[in-house]
Amino acid sequence: MDEPVKDLDAVNRELAEVVDALNNTPSDDFAARHALRTRQDELRELAAGFRVDADEQRSTKELRIELAARESQINAIYGSGIDMVTQAGGGSGTGGSYTSAAEGGINKQVRDASGAGEVQARIARLREILADRAGE
């Protein structure tokens, strides 16, 4: 497991080995479990690096198509939220209510469950790559 990793397939194979080893290591063997978890984190970082590098090899057209799809996806996630004004009956004469705050919390939970954070991060990455290419 200590050899340098050269490709994504090798990273994934070793990651599977580490997970198997973790599953087979007694829960009270803290030192071994810590070493395995540390290696697991390292391998996950390596795998993430391969994903980023793969984007650099894709055509600008492919990246723009994905960006448009991701932007549509995030718009759909945000568009599916609860309309707090409609749900509150057009508003309140008191200037606010606990219901409105709860509905806002529900919207956040729905967005989180829908992976909005990951989609937004992906959009940011695609825009970064495309901006770099535009400046070349």
Protein backbone atom coordinates (compact mmCIF):
# COMPACT_ATOMS: atom_id res chain seq x y z
CA MET A 1 0.00 0.00 0.00
CA ASP A 2 2.98 2.35 0.31
CA GLU A 3 3.87 2.49 -3.41
CA PRO A 4 3.16 5.74 -5.29
CA VAL A 5 -0.22 5.75 -7.00
CA LYS A 6 -0.09 6.34 -10.76
CA ASP A 7 -3.71 6.31 -11.98
CA LEU A 8 -7.31 6.54 -10.82
CA ASP A 9 -7.88 2.79 -11.16
CA ALA A 10 -4.96 2.13 -8.81
CA VAL A 11 -6.32 4.70 -6.34
CA ASN A 12 -9.73 3.04 -6.40
CA ARG A 13 -8.24 -0.44 -5.96
CA GLU A 14 -6.19 0.66 -2.97
CA LEU A 15 -9.15 2.54 -1.52
CA ALA A 16 -11.21 -0.66 -1.70
CA GLU A 17 -8.37 -2.55 0.04
CA VAL A 18 -8.24 0.08 2.80
CA VAL A 19 -12.00 -0.10 3.33
CA ASP A 20 -11.81 -3.92 3.53
CA ALA A 21 -8.95 -3.66 6.01
CA LEU A 22 -10.92 -1.17 8.11
CA ASN A 23 -13.90 -3.52 8.15
CA ASN A 24 -11.66 -6.39 9.29
CA THR A 25 -9.73 -4.43 11.93
CA PRO A 26 -11.00 -4.80 15.50
CA SER A 27 -12.74 -1.66 16.77
CA ASP A 28 -10.36 -1.45 19.74
CA ASP A 29 -7.21 -1.45 17.56
CA PHE A 30 -7.06 2.33 17.50
CA ALA A 31 -3.56 2.68 16.04
CA ALA A 32 -4.29 0.45 13.04
CA ARG A 33 -7.67 2.06 12.45
CA HIS A 34 -6.13 5.54 12.62
CA ALA A 35 -3.44 4.59 10.09
CA LEU A 36 -6.06 3.13 7.75
CA ARG A 37 -8.33 6.17 8.06
CA THR A 38 -5.37 8.45 7.36
CA ARG A 39 -4.54 6.47 4.21
CA GLN A 40 -8.22 6.51 3.21
CA ASP A 41 -8.23 10.31 3.44
CA GLU A 42 -5.04 10.53 1.37
CA LEU A 43 -6.53 8.28 -1.31
CA ARG A 44 -9.74 10.29 -1.42
CA GLU A 45 -7.68 13.44 -1.99
CA LEU A 46 -5.76 11.71 -4.78
CA ALA A 47 -9.02 10.58 -6.40
CA ALA A 48 -10.40 14.12 -6.20
CA GLY A 49 -7.26 15.35 -7.93
CA PHE A 50 -7.85 12.96 -10.81
CA ARG A 51 -11.42 14.28 -11.20
CA VAL A 52 -10.18 17.87 -11.37
CA ASP A 53 -7.43 16.96 -13.83
CA ALA A 54 -9.93 15.10 -16.02
CA ASP A 55 -11.87 18.34 -16.44
CA GLU A 56 -8.79 20.01 -17.87
CA GLN A 57 -8.71 17.40 -20.65
CA ARG A 58 -12.35 17.95 -21.66
CA SER A 59 -13.27 20.25 -24.54
CA THR A 60 -14.61 23.73 -23.89
CA LYS A 61 -17.84 22.71 -25.61
CA GLU A 62 -18.31 19.75 -23.23
CA LEU A 63 -17.66 21.96 -20.22
CA ARG A 64 -20.18 24.56 -21.42
CA ILE A 65 -22.82 21.87 -21.94
CA GLU A 66 -22.25 20.54 -18.42
CA LEU A 67 -22.30 24.07 -17.00
CA ALA A 68 -25.67 24.77 -18.63
CA ALA A 69 -27.04 21.48 -17.27
CA ARG A 70 -25.74 22.20 -13.76
CA GLU A 71 -27.20 25.72 -13.84
CA SER A 72 -30.58 24.27 -14.85
CA GLN A 73 -30.24 21.74 -12.04
CA ILE A 74 -29.55 24.41 -9.40
CA ASN A 75 -32.42 26.56 -10.72
CA ALA A 76 -34.75 23.57 -10.39
CA ILE A 77 -33.56 22.90 -6.84
CA TYR A 78 -34.14 26.51 -5.79
CA GLY A 79 -37.39 26.71 -7.76
CA SER A 80 -38.83 23.73 -5.91
CA GLY A 81 -38.71 25.48 -2.53
CA ILE A 82 -41.67 26.63 -0.52
CA ASP A 83 -42.99 30.07 -1.51
CA MET A 84 -43.12 31.60 1.95
CA VAL A 85 -45.31 34.56 0.98
CA THR A 86 -47.98 32.33 -0.56
CA GLN A 87 -47.78 29.84 2.30
CA ALA A 88 -48.16 32.62 4.86
CA GLY A 89 -51.32 33.89 3.17
CA GLY A 90 -49.72 36.98 1.69
CA GLY A 91 -47.86 38.06 4.75
CA SER A 92 -48.53 39.04 8.29
CA GLY A 93 -49.51 42.35 9.82
CA THR A 94 -47.09 41.69 12.64
CA GLY A 95 -44.04 41.83 10.41
CA GLY A 96 -42.99 38.22 10.84
CA SER A 97 -43.81 34.88 12.30
CA TYR A 98 -42.24 31.67 13.49
CA THR A 99 -43.87 29.87 10.58
CA SER A 100 -41.89 31.89 8.04
CA ALA A 101 -38.62 31.04 9.79
CA ALA A 102 -39.55 27.36 9.88
CA GLU A 103 -40.42 27.38 6.18
CA GLY A 104 -37.05 28.95 5.42
CA GLY A 105 -35.39 26.16 7.38
CA ILE A 106 -37.31 23.58 5.38
CA ASN A 107 -36.10 25.16 2.13
CA LYS A 108 -32.51 24.90 3.33
CA GLN A 109 -33.00 21.27 4.34
CA VAL A 110 -34.51 20.43 0.95
CA ARG A 111 -31.65 22.17 -0.85
CA ASP A 112 -29.07 20.38 1.28
CA ALA A 113 -30.75 17.02 0.67
CA SER A 114 -30.86 17.76 -3.07
CA GLY A 115 -27.11 18.32 -3.15
CA ALA A 116 -27.31 22.05 -3.88
CA GLY A 117 -23.92 22.68 -2.25
CA GLU A 118 -22.17 20.12 -4.45
CA VAL A 119 -23.93 21.43 -7.57
CA GLN A 120 -22.89 25.00 -6.72
CA ALA A 121 -19.31 23.86 -6.14
CA ARG A 122 -19.31 22.09 -9.50
CA ILE A 123 -20.69 25.21 -11.22
CA ALA A 124 -17.94 27.29 -9.64
CA ARG A 125 -15.27 24.83 -10.82
CA LEU A 126 -16.62 24.76 -14.37
CA ARG A 127 -16.75 28.56 -14.49
CA GLU A 128 -13.17 28.73 -13.19
CA ILE A 129 -11.88 26.39 -15.91
CA LEU A 130 -13.82 28.24 -18.64
CA ALA A 131 -12.60 31.63 -17.38
CA ASP A 132 -9.01 30.38 -17.43
CA ARG A 133 -9.47 29.18 -21.00
CA ALA A 134 -11.00 32.50 -22.08
CA GLY A 135 -7.91 34.29 -20.76
CA GLU A 136 -5.47 32.11 -22.71
